[in-house]
């Protein structure tokens, strides 16, 4: 982790929160929405972007579910990177050598290393 990842973490956190509160993607909270966007931009405070229409208990569950989603995504990404360590290192070496790669060059580098596990082929 580095400070360079701050924007990525903000985006991941916000997306996970929306998955739970706006899109009904929480097994614990079900197919409901939580919070109402404020109708007027003039009513927004510096720290509030929605009207809270749920209890403290629900807020705690929203936080827990959002954290669970982000943690699971992080673990999945880390697992894929570990499984593809050889490809990642080879790609990093090529980027150091050439600085930029186009799509064809990227595909050639990835294919020239050991075959990736079949279950992650579409992830690349």
C-alpha atoms as a PDB file:
ATOM      1  CA  UNK A   1       0.000   0.000   0.000  1.00  0.00           C
ATOM      2  CA  UNK A   2       1.098   3.503  -0.725  1.00  0.00           C
ATOM      3  CA  UNK A   3      -0.334   7.002  -0.698  1.00  0.00           C
ATOM      4  CA  UNK A   4      -0.582   6.692  -4.480  1.00  0.00           C
ATOM      5  CA  UNK A   5      -3.434   4.255  -3.954  1.00  0.00           C
ATOM      6  CA  UNK A   6      -5.591   6.795  -2.088  1.00  0.00           C
ATOM      7  CA  UNK A   7      -7.821   7.616  -5.064  1.00  0.00           C
ATOM      8  CA  UNK A   8      -8.234   3.920  -5.886  1.00  0.00           C
ATOM      9  CA  UNK A   9      -9.240   3.229  -2.283  1.00  0.00           C
ATOM     10  CA  UNK A  10     -11.715   6.135  -2.328  1.00  0.00           C
ATOM     11  CA  UNK A  11     -13.308   4.836  -5.520  1.00  0.00           C
ATOM     12  CA  UNK A  12     -13.424   1.230  -4.300  1.00  0.00           C
ATOM     13  CA  UNK A  13     -14.929   2.323  -0.985  1.00  0.00           C
ATOM     14  CA  UNK A  14     -17.582   4.445  -2.683  1.00  0.00           C
ATOM     15  CA  UNK A  15     -18.473   1.712  -5.166  1.00  0.00           C
ATOM     16  CA  UNK A  16     -18.784  -0.881  -2.388  1.00  0.00           C
ATOM     17  CA  UNK A  17     -20.972   1.495  -0.390  1.00  0.00           C
ATOM     18  CA  UNK A  18     -23.196   2.066  -3.427  1.00  0.00           C
ATOM     19  CA  UNK A  19     -23.408  -1.674  -4.000  1.00  0.00           C
ATOM     20  CA  UNK A  20     -24.790  -2.008  -0.476  1.00  0.00           C
ATOM     21  CA  UNK A  21     -26.914   1.152  -0.195  1.00  0.00           C
ATOM     22  CA  UNK A  22     -28.107   1.873  -3.757  1.00  0.00           C
ATOM     23  CA  UNK A  23     -27.996  -1.392  -5.722  1.00  0.00           C
ATOM     24  CA  UNK A  24     -29.353  -3.888  -3.169  1.00  0.00           C
ATOM     25  CA  UNK A  25     -26.251  -6.087  -3.371  1.00  0.00           C
ATOM     26  CA  UNK A  26     -26.018  -7.034   0.300  1.00  0.00           C
ATOM     27  CA  UNK A  27     -27.057 -10.410   1.613  1.00  0.00           C
ATOM     28  CA  UNK A  28     -27.567  -8.940   5.092  1.00  0.00           C
ATOM     29  CA  UNK A  29     -29.572  -5.866   4.092  1.00  0.00           C
ATOM     30  CA  UNK A  30     -31.472  -7.284   1.146  1.00  0.00           C
ATOM     31  CA  UNK A  31     -32.919  -5.624  -1.912  1.00  0.00           C
ATOM     32  CA  UNK A  32     -33.512  -2.200  -0.411  1.00  0.00           C
ATOM     33  CA  UNK A  33     -31.907   1.194  -0.813  1.00  0.00           C
ATOM     34  CA  UNK A  34     -30.556   3.177   2.106  1.00  0.00           C
ATOM     35  CA  UNK A  35     -30.064   6.926   2.218  1.00  0.00           C
ATOM     36  CA  UNK A  36     -31.624   9.492  -0.078  1.00  0.00           C
ATOM     37  CA  UNK A  37     -29.525  11.769  -2.259  1.00  0.00           C
ATOM     38  CA  UNK A  38     -30.049  15.393  -1.294  1.00  0.00           C
ATOM     39  CA  UNK A  39     -32.348  17.105  -3.781  1.00  0.00           C
ATOM     40  CA  UNK A  40     -30.501  20.419  -3.953  1.00  0.00           C
ATOM     41  CA  UNK A  41     -26.774  20.986  -4.231  1.00  0.00           C
ATOM     42  CA  UNK A  42     -27.267  24.046  -2.005  1.00  0.00           C
ATOM     43  CA  UNK A  43     -28.414  21.815   0.879  1.00  0.00           C
ATOM     44  CA  UNK A  44     -25.276  19.688   0.843  1.00  0.00           C
ATOM     45  CA  UNK A  45     -22.867  20.206   3.659  1.00  0.00           C
ATOM     46  CA  UNK A  46     -19.188  19.625   3.191  1.00  0.00           C
ATOM     47  CA  UNK A  47     -19.499  16.137   4.690  1.00  0.00           C
ATOM     48  CA  UNK A  48     -23.025  15.013   3.765  1.00  0.00           C
ATOM     49  CA  UNK A  49     -24.135  13.950   0.305  1.00  0.00           C
ATOM     50  CA  UNK A  50     -27.287  12.110   1.313  1.00  0.00           C
ATOM     51  CA  UNK A  51     -30.103  12.198   3.790  1.00  0.00           C
ATOM     52  CA  UNK A  52     -29.775   9.351   6.253  1.00  0.00           C
ATOM     53  CA  UNK A  53     -33.005   7.367   6.519  1.00  0.00           C
ATOM     54  CA  UNK A  54     -31.723   4.381   8.492  1.00  0.00           C
ATOM     55  CA  UNK A  55     -30.758   3.478  12.039  1.00  0.00           C
ATOM     56  CA  UNK A  56     -27.341   3.349  13.685  1.00  0.00           C
ATOM     57  CA  UNK A  57     -27.555  -0.455  13.572  1.00  0.00           C
ATOM     58  CA  UNK A  58     -28.148  -0.372   9.808  1.00  0.00           C
ATOM     59  CA  UNK A  59     -25.287   2.121   9.410  1.00  0.00           C
ATOM     60  CA  UNK A  60     -22.981  -0.327  11.182  1.00  0.00           C
ATOM     61  CA  UNK A  61     -24.110  -3.142   8.856  1.00  0.00           C
ATOM     62  CA  UNK A  62     -23.581  -0.897   5.805  1.00  0.00           C
ATOM     63  CA  UNK A  63     -20.029  -0.221   6.999  1.00  0.00           C
ATOM     64  CA  UNK A  64     -19.388  -3.929   7.644  1.00  0.00           C
ATOM     65  CA  UNK A  65     -20.803  -5.021   4.280  1.00  0.00           C
ATOM     66  CA  UNK A  66     -18.856  -2.327   2.423  1.00  0.00           C
ATOM     67  CA  UNK A  67     -15.649  -3.403   4.163  1.00  0.00           C
ATOM     68  CA  UNK A  68     -16.376  -7.066   3.394  1.00  0.00           C
ATOM     69  CA  UNK A  69     -16.788  -6.293  -0.317  1.00  0.00           C
ATOM     70  CA  UNK A  70     -13.573  -4.240  -0.520  1.00  0.00           C
ATOM     71  CA  UNK A  71     -11.602  -6.818   1.483  1.00  0.00           C
ATOM     72  CA  UNK A  72     -12.834  -9.668  -0.756  1.00  0.00           C
ATOM     73  CA  UNK A  73     -11.917  -7.741  -3.911  1.00  0.00           C
ATOM     74  CA  UNK A  74      -8.468  -6.948  -2.500  1.00  0.00           C
ATOM     75  CA  UNK A  75      -7.874 -10.606  -1.610  1.00  0.00           C
ATOM     76  CA  UNK A  76      -8.965 -11.700  -5.092  1.00  0.00           C
ATOM     77  CA  UNK A  77      -6.684  -9.164  -6.796  1.00  0.00           C
ATOM     78  CA  UNK A  78      -3.764 -10.126  -4.566  1.00  0.00           C
ATOM     79  CA  UNK A  79      -4.354 -13.822  -5.300  1.00  0.00           C
ATOM     80  CA  UNK A  80      -4.383 -13.217  -9.064  1.00  0.00           C
ATOM     81  CA  UNK A  81      -1.156 -11.204  -8.834  1.00  0.00           C
ATOM     82  CA  UNK A  82       0.521 -13.922  -6.751  1.00  0.00           C
ATOM     83  CA  UNK A  83      -0.569 -16.624  -9.211  1.00  0.00           C
ATOM     84  CA  UNK A  84       0.779 -14.543 -12.091  1.00  0.00           C
ATOM     85  CA  UNK A  85       3.973 -13.409 -10.391  1.00  0.00           C
ATOM     86  CA  UNK A  86       6.180 -14.539 -13.299  1.00  0.00           C
ATOM     87  CA  UNK A  87       4.054 -12.655 -15.814  1.00  0.00           C
ATOM     88  CA  UNK A  88       3.982  -9.572 -13.607  1.00  0.00           C
ATOM     89  CA  UNK A  89       7.768  -9.540 -13.187  1.00  0.00           C
ATOM     90  CA  UNK A  90       8.334 -10.097 -16.904  1.00  0.00           C
ATOM     91  CA  UNK A  91       5.901  -7.299 -17.714  1.00  0.00           C
ATOM     92  CA  UNK A  92       7.596  -4.957 -15.227  1.00  0.00           C
ATOM     93  CA  UNK A  93      10.993  -5.713 -16.825  1.00  0.00           C
ATOM     94  CA  UNK A  94       9.627  -4.928 -20.275  1.00  0.00           C
ATOM     95  CA  UNK A  95       8.079  -1.690 -19.061  1.00  0.00           C
ATOM     96  CA  UNK A  96      11.364  -0.642 -17.476  1.00  0.00           C
ATOM     97  CA  UNK A  97      13.130  -1.468 -20.744  1.00  0.00           C
ATOM     98  CA  UNK A  98      10.614   0.130 -23.152  1.00  0.00           C
ATOM     99  CA  UNK A  99       8.587   2.443 -20.881  1.00  0.00           C
ATOM    100  CA  UNK A 100       5.346   1.881 -22.838  1.00  0.00           C
ATOM    101  CA  UNK A 101       3.728  -1.126 -24.498  1.00  0.00           C
ATOM    102  CA  UNK A 102       0.881  -1.239 -26.976  1.00  0.00           C
ATOM    103  CA  UNK A 103      -1.813  -3.916 -26.833  1.00  0.00           C
ATOM    104  CA  UNK A 104       0.019  -6.363 -29.102  1.00  0.00           C
ATOM    105  CA  UNK A 105       3.286  -5.984 -27.195  1.00  0.00           C
ATOM    106  CA  UNK A 106       1.490  -6.464 -23.881  1.00  0.00           C
ATOM    107  CA  UNK A 107      -0.205  -9.625 -25.137  1.00  0.00           C
ATOM    108  CA  UNK A 108       3.113 -10.966 -26.457  1.00  0.00           C
ATOM    109  CA  UNK A 109       4.829 -10.395 -23.103  1.00  0.00           C
ATOM    110  CA  UNK A 110       2.028 -12.091 -21.190  1.00  0.00           C
ATOM    111  CA  UNK A 111       1.873 -15.043 -23.608  1.00  0.00           C
ATOM    112  CA  UNK A 112       5.656 -15.516 -23.587  1.00  0.00           C
ATOM    113  CA  UNK A 113       5.652 -16.331 -19.871  1.00  0.00           C
ATOM    114  CA  UNK A 114       4.315 -19.507 -18.319  1.00  0.00           C
ATOM    115  CA  UNK A 115       0.659 -20.183 -19.129  1.00  0.00           C
ATOM    116  CA  UNK A 116      -1.722 -18.448 -16.734  1.00  0.00           C
ATOM    117  CA  UNK A 117      -4.184 -20.494 -14.705  1.00  0.00           C
ATOM    118  CA  UNK A 118      -7.282 -21.133 -16.851  1.00  0.00           C
ATOM    119  CA  UNK A 119      -9.754 -19.651 -14.348  1.00  0.00           C
ATOM    120  CA  UNK A 120      -8.205 -16.163 -14.660  1.00  0.00           C
ATOM    121  CA  UNK A 121      -7.639 -16.049 -18.435  1.00  0.00           C
ATOM    122  CA  UNK A 122     -10.468 -13.546 -18.957  1.00  0.00           C
ATOM    123  CA  UNK A 123      -9.178 -11.298 -16.159  1.00  0.00           C
ATOM    124  CA  UNK A 124      -6.092 -10.196 -18.079  1.00  0.00           C
END
